[in-house]
PDB file of N, CA and C in Angstrom:
ATOM      1  N   MET A   1       0.532  -8.062  11.555  1.00  0.00           N
ATOM      2  CA  MET A   1      -0.854  -8.359  11.307  1.00  0.00           C
ATOM      3  C   MET A   1      -1.119  -9.785  11.810  1.00  0.00           C
ATOM      4  N   PRO A   2      -2.215  -9.976  12.510  1.00  0.00           N
ATOM      5  CA  PRO A   2      -2.540 -11.325  12.962  1.00  0.00           C
ATOM      6  C   PRO A   2      -2.649 -12.289  11.777  1.00  0.00           C
ATOM      7  N   GLN A   3      -2.163 -13.510  11.978  1.00  0.00           N
ATOM      8  CA  GLN A   3      -2.122 -14.517  10.919  1.00  0.00           C
ATOM      9  C   GLN A   3      -3.487 -14.715  10.276  1.00  0.00           C
ATOM     10  N   MET A   4      -4.538 -14.855  11.077  1.00  0.00           N
ATOM     11  CA  MET A   4      -5.863 -15.128  10.533  1.00  0.00           C
ATOM     12  C   MET A   4      -6.363 -13.960   9.682  1.00  0.00           C
ATOM     13  N   LEU A   5      -6.139 -12.733  10.137  1.00  0.00           N
ATOM     14  CA  LEU A   5      -6.567 -11.573   9.364  1.00  0.00           C
ATOM     15  C   LEU A   5      -5.813 -11.506   8.047  1.00  0.00           C
ATOM     16  N   GLY A   6      -4.521 -11.784   8.078  1.00  0.00           N
ATOM     17  CA  GLY A   6      -3.732 -11.802   6.855  1.00  0.00           C
ATOM     18  C   GLY A   6      -4.260 -12.824   5.865  1.00  0.00           C
ATOM     19  N   GLU A   7      -4.640 -13.998   6.361  1.00  0.00           N
ATOM     20  CA  GLU A   7      -5.182 -15.042   5.488  1.00  0.00           C
ATOM     21  C   GLU A   7      -6.511 -14.618   4.877  1.00  0.00           C
ATOM     22  N   VAL A   8      -7.355 -13.954   5.655  1.00  0.00           N
ATOM     23  CA  VAL A   8      -8.642 -13.486   5.145  1.00  0.00           C
ATOM     24  C   VAL A   8      -8.420 -12.466   4.028  1.00  0.00           C
ATOM     25  N   VAL A   9      -7.513 -11.527   4.245  1.00  0.00           N
ATOM     26  CA  VAL A   9      -7.240 -10.503   3.233  1.00  0.00           C
ATOM     27  C   VAL A   9      -6.647 -11.144   1.980  1.00  0.00           C
ATOM     28  N   GLU A  10      -5.689 -12.047   2.149  1.00  0.00           N
ATOM     29  CA  GLU A  10      -5.093 -12.727   0.991  1.00  0.00           C
ATOM     30  C   GLU A  10      -6.146 -13.478   0.188  1.00  0.00           C
ATOM     31  N   GLN A  11      -7.013 -14.202   0.874  1.00  0.00           N
ATOM     32  CA  GLN A  11      -8.054 -14.956   0.181  1.00  0.00           C
ATOM     33  C   GLN A  11      -8.996 -14.015  -0.566  1.00  0.00           C
ATOM     34  N   ALA A  12      -9.344 -12.905   0.031  1.00  0.00           N
ATOM     35  CA  ALA A  12     -10.238 -11.947  -0.624  1.00  0.00           C
ATOM     36  C   ALA A  12      -9.578 -11.326  -1.848  1.00  0.00           C
ATOM     37  N   LEU A  13      -8.263 -11.122  -1.802  1.00  0.00           N
ATOM     38  CA  LEU A  13      -7.562 -10.507  -2.925  1.00  0.00           C
ATOM     39  C   LEU A  13      -7.309 -11.478  -4.073  1.00  0.00           C
ATOM     40  N   ARG A  14      -7.354 -12.768  -3.793  1.00  0.00           N
ATOM     41  CA  ARG A  14      -7.091 -13.770  -4.838  1.00  0.00           C
ATOM     42  C   ARG A  14      -8.101 -13.715  -5.977  1.00  0.00           C
ATOM     43  N   VAL A  15      -9.278 -13.176  -5.744  1.00  0.00           N
ATOM     44  CA  VAL A  15     -10.288 -13.110  -6.815  1.00  0.00           C
ATOM     45  C   VAL A  15      -9.956 -12.022  -7.827  1.00  0.00           C
ATOM     46  N   HIS A  16      -8.921 -11.241  -7.554  1.00  0.00           N
ATOM     47  CA  HIS A  16      -8.491 -10.172  -8.459  1.00  0.00           C
ATOM     48  C   HIS A  16      -7.168 -10.586  -9.094  1.00  0.00           C
ATOM     49  N   PRO A  17      -7.219 -11.117 -10.322  1.00  0.00           N
ATOM     50  CA  PRO A  17      -5.983 -11.624 -10.941  1.00  0.00           C
ATOM     51  C   PRO A  17      -4.937 -10.540 -11.182  1.00  0.00           C
ATOM     52  N   GLU A  18      -5.332  -9.273 -11.209  1.00  0.00           N
ATOM     53  CA  GLU A  18      -4.366  -8.194 -11.406  1.00  0.00           C
ATOM     54  C   GLU A  18      -3.576  -7.883 -10.140  1.00  0.00           C
ATOM     55  N   LEU A  19      -3.992  -8.463  -9.005  1.00  0.00           N
ATOM     56  CA  LEU A  19      -3.278  -8.293  -7.739  1.00  0.00           C
ATOM     57  C   LEU A  19      -2.621  -9.616  -7.383  1.00  0.00           C
ATOM     58  N   GLN A  20      -1.375  -9.546  -6.936  1.00  0.00           N
ATOM     59  CA  GLN A  20      -0.659 -10.755  -6.566  1.00  0.00           C
ATOM     60  C   GLN A  20      -0.021 -10.550  -5.204  1.00  0.00           C
ATOM     61  N   VAL A  21      -0.321 -11.435  -4.288  1.00  0.00           N
ATOM     62  CA  VAL A  21       0.301 -11.388  -2.966  1.00  0.00           C
ATOM     63  C   VAL A  21       1.699 -11.985  -3.117  1.00  0.00           C
ATOM     64  N   VAL A  22       2.713 -11.187  -2.773  1.00  0.00           N
ATOM     65  CA  VAL A  22       4.090 -11.633  -2.965  1.00  0.00           C
ATOM     66  C   VAL A  22       4.716 -12.190  -1.689  1.00  0.00           C
ATOM     67  N   GLY A  23       4.035 -12.056  -0.575  1.00  0.00           N
ATOM     68  CA  GLY A  23       4.569 -12.625   0.655  1.00  0.00           C
ATOM     69  C   GLY A  23       4.163 -11.812   1.861  1.00  0.00           C
ATOM     70  N   ARG A  24       4.628 -12.276   2.996  1.00  0.00           N
ATOM     71  CA  ARG A  24       4.374 -11.586   4.263  1.00  0.00           C
ATOM     72  C   ARG A  24       5.693 -11.356   4.969  1.00  0.00           C
ATOM     73  N   ALA A  25       5.838 -10.179   5.484  1.00  0.00           N
ATOM     74  CA  ALA A  25       7.048  -9.868   6.259  1.00  0.00           C
ATOM     75  C   ALA A  25       6.900 -10.472   7.651  1.00  0.00           C
ATOM     76  N   PRO A  26       7.960 -11.050   8.173  1.00  0.00           N
ATOM     77  CA  PRO A  26       7.910 -11.546   9.556  1.00  0.00           C
ATOM     78  C   PRO A  26       7.589 -10.393  10.511  1.00  0.00           C
ATOM     79  N   LEU A  27       6.941 -10.708  11.617  1.00  0.00           N
ATOM     80  CA  LEU A  27       6.503  -9.672  12.554  1.00  0.00           C
ATOM     81  C   LEU A  27       7.634  -8.783  13.031  1.00  0.00           C
ATOM     82  N   ALA A  28       8.832  -9.316  13.188  1.00  0.00           N
ATOM     83  CA  ALA A  28       9.942  -8.529  13.713  1.00  0.00           C
ATOM     84  C   ALA A  28      10.653  -7.717  12.638  1.00  0.00           C
ATOM     85  N   SER A  29      10.254  -7.864  11.369  1.00  0.00           N
ATOM     86  CA  SER A  29      10.975  -7.189  10.297  1.00  0.00           C
ATOM     87  C   SER A  29      10.386  -5.812  10.004  1.00  0.00           C
ATOM     88  N   ASP A  30      11.037  -5.102   9.119  1.00  0.00           N
ATOM     89  CA  ASP A  30      10.581  -3.792   8.665  1.00  0.00           C
ATOM     90  C   ASP A  30       9.704  -4.007   7.434  1.00  0.00           C
ATOM     91  N   PRO A  31       8.380  -3.839   7.542  1.00  0.00           N
ATOM     92  CA  PRO A  31       7.510  -4.110   6.401  1.00  0.00           C
ATOM     93  C   PRO A  31       7.754  -3.182   5.205  1.00  0.00           C
ATOM     94  N   LEU A  32       8.203  -1.957   5.446  1.00  0.00           N
ATOM     95  CA  LEU A  32       8.497  -1.052   4.332  1.00  0.00           C
ATOM     96  C   LEU A  32       9.690  -1.565   3.534  1.00  0.00           C
ATOM     97  N   ALA A  33      10.719  -2.026   4.229  1.00  0.00           N
ATOM     98  CA  ALA A  33      11.885  -2.580   3.550  1.00  0.00           C
ATOM     99  C   ALA A  33      11.513  -3.863   2.810  1.00  0.00           C
ATOM    100  N   ALA A  34      10.679  -4.697   3.428  1.00  0.00           N
ATOM    101  CA  ALA A  34      10.249  -5.941   2.782  1.00  0.00           C
ATOM    102  C   ALA A  34       9.445  -5.645   1.525  1.00  0.00           C
ATOM    103  N   ALA A  35       8.609  -4.621   1.559  1.00  0.00           N
ATOM    104  CA  ALA A  35       7.818  -4.255   0.378  1.00  0.00           C
ATOM    105  C   ALA A  35       8.719  -3.758  -0.741  1.00  0.00           C
ATOM    106  N   ARG A  36       9.706  -2.945  -0.389  1.00  0.00           N
ATOM    107  CA  ARG A  36      10.661  -2.472  -1.409  1.00  0.00           C
ATOM    108  C   ARG A  36      11.417  -3.643  -2.022  1.00  0.00           C
ATOM    109  N   GLU A  37      11.881  -4.555  -1.169  1.00  0.00           N
ATOM    110  CA  GLU A  37      12.645  -5.704  -1.654  1.00  0.00           C
ATOM    111  C   GLU A  37      11.805  -6.586  -2.582  1.00  0.00           C
ATOM    112  N   ALA A  38      10.527  -6.737  -2.261  1.00  0.00           N
ATOM    113  CA  ALA A  38       9.634  -7.563  -3.075  1.00  0.00           C
ATOM    114  C   ALA A  38       9.103  -6.807  -4.294  1.00  0.00           C
ATOM    115  N   ARG A  39       9.457  -5.526  -4.395  1.00  0.00           N
ATOM    116  CA  ARG A  39       8.954  -4.669  -5.478  1.00  0.00           C
ATOM    117  C   ARG A  39       7.424  -4.637  -5.490  1.00  0.00           C
ATOM    118  N   ALA A  40       6.859  -4.599  -4.280  1.00  0.00           N
ATOM    119  CA  ALA A  40       5.405  -4.582  -4.118  1.00  0.00           C
ATOM    120  C   ALA A  40       4.841  -3.243  -4.559  1.00  0.00           C
ATOM    121  N   THR A  41       3.619  -3.276  -5.036  1.00  0.00           N
ATOM    122  CA  THR A  41       2.930  -2.043  -5.386  1.00  0.00           C
ATOM    123  C   THR A  41       1.896  -1.667  -4.339  1.00  0.00           C
ATOM    124  N   VAL A  42       1.563  -2.606  -3.457  1.00  0.00           N
ATOM    125  CA  VAL A  42       0.640  -2.339  -2.358  1.00  0.00           C
ATOM    126  C   VAL A  42       1.182  -3.035  -1.120  1.00  0.00           C
ATOM    127  N   LEU A  43       1.202  -2.329  -0.020  1.00  0.00           N
ATOM    128  CA  LEU A  43       1.624  -2.878   1.266  1.00  0.00           C
ATOM    129  C   LEU A  43       0.402  -2.886   2.175  1.00  0.00           C
ATOM    130  N   VAL A  44       0.067  -4.038   2.742  1.00  0.00           N
ATOM    131  CA  VAL A  44      -1.081  -4.162   3.642  1.00  0.00           C
ATOM    132  C   VAL A  44      -0.563  -4.175   5.070  1.00  0.00           C
ATOM    133  N   LEU A  45      -1.022  -3.225   5.863  1.00  0.00           N
ATOM    134  CA  LEU A  45      -0.629  -3.124   7.269  1.00  0.00           C
ATOM    135  C   LEU A  45      -1.872  -2.958   8.136  1.00  0.00           C
ATOM    136  N   CYS A  46      -1.781  -3.354   9.400  1.00  0.00           N
ATOM    137  CA  CYS A  46      -2.827  -3.015  10.366  1.00  0.00           C
ATOM    138  C   CYS A  46      -2.697  -1.538  10.709  1.00  0.00           C
ATOM    139  N   GLN A  47      -3.808  -0.894  11.019  1.00  0.00           N
ATOM    140  CA  GLN A  47      -3.756   0.533  11.345  1.00  0.00           C
ATOM    141  C   GLN A  47      -2.929   0.809  12.584  1.00  0.00           C
ATOM    142  N   THR A  48      -2.699  -0.199  13.410  1.00  0.00           N
ATOM    143  CA  THR A  48      -1.898  -0.011  14.622  1.00  0.00           C
ATOM    144  C   THR A  48      -0.429  -0.343  14.413  1.00  0.00           C
ATOM    145  N   ASP A  49      -0.038  -0.739  13.211  1.00  0.00           N
ATOM    146  CA  ASP A  49       1.359  -1.103  12.941  1.00  0.00           C
ATOM    147  C   ASP A  49       2.227   0.142  13.031  1.00  0.00           C
ATOM    148  N   PRO A  50       3.303   0.116  13.814  1.00  0.00           N
ATOM    149  CA  PRO A  50       4.183   1.278  13.939  1.00  0.00           C
ATOM    150  C   PRO A  50       4.788   1.731  12.612  1.00  0.00           C
ATOM    151  N   ALA A  51       4.926   0.829  11.653  1.00  0.00           N
ATOM    152  CA  ALA A  51       5.477   1.204  10.340  1.00  0.00           C
ATOM    153  C   ALA A  51       4.558   2.161   9.604  1.00  0.00           C
ATOM    154  N   LEU A  52       3.294   2.185   9.966  1.00  0.00           N
ATOM    155  CA  LEU A  52       2.333   3.070   9.296  1.00  0.00           C
ATOM    156  C   LEU A  52       2.441   4.519   9.776  1.00  0.00           C
ATOM    157  N   GLU A  53       2.957   4.726  10.978  1.00  0.00           N
ATOM    158  CA  GLU A  53       2.989   6.069  11.568  1.00  0.00           C
ATOM    159  C   GLU A  53       3.672   7.116  10.690  1.00  0.00           C
ATOM    160  N   PRO A  54       4.896   6.889  10.195  1.00  0.00           N
ATOM    161  CA  PRO A  54       5.523   7.937   9.384  1.00  0.00           C
ATOM    162  C   PRO A  54       4.804   8.174   8.053  1.00  0.00           C
ATOM    163  N   ILE A  55       4.151   7.145   7.545  1.00  0.00           N
ATOM    164  CA  ILE A  55       3.391   7.302   6.301  1.00  0.00           C
ATOM    165  C   ILE A  55       2.131   8.107   6.577  1.00  0.00           C
ATOM    166  N   ALA A  56       1.399   7.723   7.614  1.00  0.00           N
ATOM    167  CA  ALA A  56       0.143   8.391   7.954  1.00  0.00           C
ATOM    168  C   ALA A  56       0.344   9.858   8.301  1.00  0.00           C
ATOM    169  N   GLU A  57       1.505  10.199   8.848  1.00  0.00           N
ATOM    170  CA  GLU A  57       1.783  11.597   9.187  1.00  0.00           C
ATOM    171  C   GLU A  57       1.815  12.483   7.949  1.00  0.00           C
ATOM    172  N   LEU A  58       2.051  11.902   6.780  1.00  0.00           N
ATOM    173  CA  LEU A  58       2.111  12.680   5.533  1.00  0.00           C
ATOM    174  C   LEU A  58       0.756  12.846   4.863  1.00  0.00           C
ATOM    175  N   GLU A  59      -0.279  12.212   5.419  1.00  0.00           N
ATOM    176  CA  GLU A  59      -1.603  12.353   4.815  1.00  0.00           C
ATOM    177  C   GLU A  59      -2.001  13.828   4.780  1.00  0.00           C
ATOM    178  N   GLY A  60      -2.433  14.262   3.622  1.00  0.00           N
ATOM    179  CA  GLY A  60      -2.837  15.651   3.450  1.00  0.00           C
ATOM    180  C   GLY A  60      -1.695  16.591   3.098  1.00  0.00           C
ATOM    181  N   VAL A  61      -0.464  16.087   3.076  1.00  0.00           N
ATOM    182  CA  VAL A  61       0.694  16.893   2.712  1.00  0.00           C
ATOM    183  C   VAL A  61       1.160  16.467   1.326  1.00  0.00           C
ATOM    184  N   ALA A  62       1.245  17.394   0.407  1.00  0.00           N
ATOM    185  CA  ALA A  62       1.784  17.092  -0.914  1.00  0.00           C
ATOM    186  C   ALA A  62       3.284  17.373  -0.882  1.00  0.00           C
ATOM    187  N   VAL A  63       4.048  16.477  -1.481  1.00  0.00           N
ATOM    188  CA  VAL A  63       5.500  16.628  -1.540  1.00  0.00           C
ATOM    189  C   VAL A  63       5.876  16.803  -3.007  1.00  0.00           C
ATOM    190  N   PHE A  64       6.543  17.898  -3.318  1.00  0.00           N
ATOM    191  CA  PHE A  64       7.007  18.148  -4.679  1.00  0.00           C
ATOM    192  C   PHE A  64       8.522  18.080  -4.654  1.00  0.00           C
ATOM    193  N   SER A  65       9.077  17.048  -5.292  1.00  0.00           N
ATOM    194  CA  SER A  65      10.524  16.887  -5.290  1.00  0.00           C
ATOM    195  C   SER A  65      11.077  17.292  -6.651  1.00  0.00           C
ATOM    196  N   LEU A  66      12.135  18.069  -6.626  1.00  0.00           N
ATOM    197  CA  LEU A  66      12.751  18.568  -7.846  1.00  0.00           C
ATOM    198  C   LEU A  66      13.885  17.647  -8.286  1.00  0.00           C
ATOM    199  N   ALA A  67      13.994  17.449  -9.594  1.00  0.00           N
ATOM    200  CA  ALA A  67      15.096  16.657 -10.149  1.00  0.00           C
ATOM    201  C   ALA A  67      16.395  17.431  -9.977  1.00  0.00           C
ATOM    202  N   ALA A  68      17.502  16.711  -9.935  1.00  0.00           N
ATOM    203  CA  ALA A  68      18.809  17.338  -9.744  1.00  0.00           C
ATOM    204  C   ALA A  68      19.120  18.352 -10.843  1.00  0.00           C
ATOM    205  N   ASP A  69      18.649  18.099 -12.068  1.00  0.00           N
ATOM    206  CA  ASP A  69      18.930  19.033 -13.161  1.00  0.00           C
ATOM    207  C   ASP A  69      17.968  20.220 -13.179  1.00  0.00           C
ATOM    208  N   GLY A  70      16.967  20.216 -12.302  1.00  0.00           N
ATOM    209  CA  GLY A  70      16.037  21.338 -12.209  1.00  0.00           C
ATOM    210  C   GLY A  70      15.051  21.438 -13.360  1.00  0.00           C
ATOM    211  N   ARG A  71      14.962  20.439 -14.191  1.00  0.00           N
ATOM    212  CA  ARG A  71      14.079  20.493 -15.365  1.00  0.00           C
ATOM    213  C   ARG A  71      12.690  19.919 -15.106  1.00  0.00           C
ATOM    214  N   GLU A  72      12.557  19.152 -14.066  1.00  0.00           N
ATOM    215  CA  GLU A  72      11.253  18.562 -13.765  1.00  0.00           C
ATOM    216  C   GLU A  72      11.173  18.255 -12.284  1.00  0.00           C
ATOM    217  N   GLY A  73      10.003  17.850 -11.888  1.00  0.00           N
ATOM    218  CA  GLY A  73       9.782  17.454 -10.512  1.00  0.00           C
ATOM    219  C   GLY A  73       8.748  16.348 -10.475  1.00  0.00           C
ATOM    220  N   ALA A  74       8.461  15.873  -9.300  1.00  0.00           N
ATOM    221  CA  ALA A  74       7.458  14.834  -9.120  1.00  0.00           C
ATOM    222  C   ALA A  74       6.607  15.196  -7.912  1.00  0.00           C
ATOM    223  N   LEU A  75       5.310  15.018  -8.055  1.00  0.00           N
ATOM    224  CA  LEU A  75       4.382  15.315  -6.975  1.00  0.00           C
ATOM    225  C   LEU A  75       3.936  14.005  -6.339  1.00  0.00           C
ATOM    226  N   LEU A  76       4.059  13.921  -5.037  1.00  0.00           N
ATOM    227  CA  LEU A  76       3.644  12.757  -4.280  1.00  0.00           C
ATOM    228  C   LEU A  76       2.545  13.186  -3.325  1.00  0.00           C
ATOM    229  N   THR A  77       1.408  12.504  -3.397  1.00  0.00           N
ATOM    230  CA  THR A  77       0.298  12.800  -2.489  1.00  0.00           C
ATOM    231  C   THR A  77      -0.172  11.503  -1.847  1.00  0.00           C
ATOM    232  N   LEU A  78      -0.767  11.621  -0.696  1.00  0.00           N
ATOM    233  CA  LEU A  78      -1.268  10.468   0.034  1.00  0.00           C
ATOM    234  C   LEU A  78      -2.689  10.781   0.467  1.00  0.00           C
ATOM    235  N   HIS A  79      -3.620   9.910   0.093  1.00  0.00           N
ATOM    236  CA  HIS A  79      -5.030  10.099   0.440  1.00  0.00           C
ATOM    237  C   HIS A  79      -5.579   8.826   1.042  1.00  0.00           C
ATOM    238  N   ARG A  80      -6.438   8.973   2.025  1.00  0.00           N
ATOM    239  CA  ARG A  80      -7.072   7.821   2.671  1.00  0.00           C
ATOM    240  C   ARG A  80      -8.379   7.506   1.944  1.00  0.00           C
ATOM    241  N   HIS A  81      -8.558   6.237   1.589  1.00  0.00           N
ATOM    242  CA  HIS A  81      -9.776   5.748   0.942  1.00  0.00           C
ATOM    243  C   HIS A  81     -10.296   4.579   1.772  1.00  0.00           C
ATOM    244  N   PRO A  82     -11.225   4.822   2.698  1.00  0.00           N
ATOM    245  CA  PRO A  82     -11.741   3.708   3.504  1.00  0.00           C
ATOM    246  C   PRO A  82     -12.371   2.638   2.618  1.00  0.00           C
ATOM    247  N   ILE A  83     -12.052   1.386   2.895  1.00  0.00           N
ATOM    248  CA  ILE A  83     -12.564   0.258   2.128  1.00  0.00           C
ATOM    249  C   ILE A  83     -13.017  -0.813   3.110  1.00  0.00           C
ATOM    250  N   ALA A  84     -14.254  -1.257   2.962  1.00  0.00           N
ATOM    251  CA  ALA A  84     -14.773  -2.321   3.820  1.00  0.00           C
ATOM    252  C   ALA A  84     -14.090  -3.644   3.479  1.00  0.00           C
ATOM    253  N   LEU A  85     -13.840  -4.454   4.501  1.00  0.00           N
ATOM    254  CA  LEU A  85     -13.226  -5.765   4.281  1.00  0.00           C
ATOM    255  C   LEU A  85     -14.309  -6.796   3.986  1.00  0.00           C
ATOM    256  N   ASP A  86     -15.026  -6.553   2.922  1.00  0.00           N
ATOM    257  CA  ASP A  86     -15.993  -7.515   2.415  1.00  0.00           C
ATOM    258  C   ASP A  86     -15.804  -7.591   0.905  1.00  0.00           C
ATOM    259  N   GLU A  87     -16.539  -8.450   0.253  1.00  0.00           N
ATOM    260  CA  GLU A  87     -16.347  -8.652  -1.186  1.00  0.00           C
ATOM    261  C   GLU A  87     -16.558  -7.353  -1.973  1.00  0.00           C
ATOM    262  N   ALA A  88     -17.597  -6.616  -1.636  1.00  0.00           N
ATOM    263  CA  ALA A  88     -17.875  -5.368  -2.349  1.00  0.00           C
ATOM    264  C   ALA A  88     -16.774  -4.334  -2.111  1.00  0.00           C
ATOM    265  N   GLY A  89     -16.334  -4.207  -0.882  1.00  0.00           N
ATOM    266  CA  GLY A  89     -15.293  -3.228  -0.569  1.00  0.00           C
ATOM    267  C   GLY A  89     -13.977  -3.564  -1.225  1.00  0.00           C
ATOM    268  N   LEU A  90     -13.553  -4.815  -1.098  1.00  0.00           N
ATOM    269  CA  LEU A  90     -12.269  -5.210  -1.671  1.00  0.00           C
ATOM    270  C   LEU A  90     -12.288  -5.206  -3.194  1.00  0.00           C
ATOM    271  N   SER A  91     -13.475  -5.302  -3.789  1.00  0.00           N
ATOM    272  CA  SER A  91     -13.537  -5.233  -5.253  1.00  0.00           C
ATOM    273  C   SER A  91     -13.165  -3.838  -5.750  1.00  0.00           C
ATOM    274  N   GLN A  92     -13.214  -2.833  -4.871  1.00  0.00           N
ATOM    275  CA  GLN A  92     -12.818  -1.467  -5.228  1.00  0.00           C
ATOM    276  C   GLN A  92     -11.305  -1.279  -5.252  1.00  0.00           C
ATOM    277  N   LEU A  93     -10.580  -2.147  -4.563  1.00  0.00           N
ATOM    278  CA  LEU A  93      -9.144  -1.976  -4.394  1.00  0.00           C
ATOM    279  C   LEU A  93      -8.378  -1.868  -5.713  1.00  0.00           C
ATOM    280  N   PRO A  94      -8.588  -2.760  -6.680  1.00  0.00           N
ATOM    281  CA  PRO A  94      -7.846  -2.620  -7.942  1.00  0.00           C
ATOM    282  C   PRO A  94      -8.095  -1.288  -8.641  1.00  0.00           C
ATOM    283  N   ARG A  95      -9.321  -0.791  -8.578  1.00  0.00           N
ATOM    284  CA  ARG A  95      -9.638   0.499  -9.210  1.00  0.00           C
ATOM    285  C   ARG A  95      -8.907   1.635  -8.503  1.00  0.00           C
ATOM    286  N   PHE A  96      -8.905   1.636  -7.176  1.00  0.00           N
ATOM    287  CA  PHE A  96      -8.181   2.689  -6.451  1.00  0.00           C
ATOM    288  C   PHE A  96      -6.696   2.634  -6.749  1.00  0.00           C
ATOM    289  N   ILE A  97      -6.147   1.432  -6.836  1.00  0.00           N
ATOM    290  CA  ILE A  97      -4.730   1.296  -7.147  1.00  0.00           C
ATOM    291  C   ILE A  97      -4.444   1.851  -8.542  1.00  0.00           C
ATOM    292  N   ALA A  98      -5.293   1.500  -9.491  1.00  0.00           N
ATOM    293  CA  ALA A  98      -5.089   1.980 -10.872  1.00  0.00           C
ATOM    294  C   ALA A  98      -5.212   3.497 -10.954  1.00  0.00           C
ATOM    295  N   GLU A  99      -6.152   4.080 -10.231  1.00  0.00           N
ATOM    296  CA  GLU A  99      -6.390   5.522 -10.295  1.00  0.00           C
ATOM    297  C   GLU A  99      -5.340   6.329  -9.524  1.00  0.00           C
ATOM    298  N   HIS A 100      -4.901   5.812  -8.415  1.00  0.00           N
ATOM    299  CA  HIS A 100      -4.052   6.607  -7.513  1.00  0.00           C
ATOM    300  C   HIS A 100      -2.705   6.004  -7.246  1.00  0.00           C
ATOM    301  N   GLY A 101      -2.465   4.837  -7.795  1.00  0.00           N
ATOM    302  CA  GLY A 101      -1.345   4.086  -7.310  1.00  0.00           C
ATOM    303  C   GLY A 101      -0.181   3.988  -8.230  1.00  0.00           C
ATOM    304  N   THR A 102       0.124   2.852  -8.524  1.00  0.00           N
ATOM    305  CA  THR A 102       1.428   2.353  -8.818  1.00  0.00           C
ATOM    306  C   THR A 102       2.002   2.752 -10.152  1.00  0.00           C
ATOM    307  N   GLN A 103       3.188   3.249 -10.081  1.00  0.00           N
ATOM    308  CA  GLN A 103       4.010   3.468 -11.258  1.00  0.00           C
ATOM    309  C   GLN A 103       5.365   2.884 -10.937  1.00  0.00           C
ATOM    310  N   GLY A 104       5.772   1.848 -11.670  1.00  0.00           N
ATOM    311  CA  GLY A 104       6.968   1.115 -11.323  1.00  0.00           C
ATOM    312  C   GLY A 104       8.219   1.773 -11.643  1.00  0.00           C
TER     313      GLY A 104
END
């Protein structure tokens, strides 16, 4: 992600105390691995980032994984929610995360 765009997004997210920017992955690194290492709940990528391709390919596909003991499973879904990069749009981000997102 271009440095200036990253700074704009970080500044816009700072008004939401429930969201914390934990860092930026260097351009040559694997952003998915960096997000896992940082225990991030949201990863911000440019739509042209190659790391997004395998994730985006799963949009619209539900994955149901079964536990080894066969007693339960987990459903994983991925949905696109367009959000404008303005104050009104970014104010929706915490709500979308709470509704569709993170379970640690």
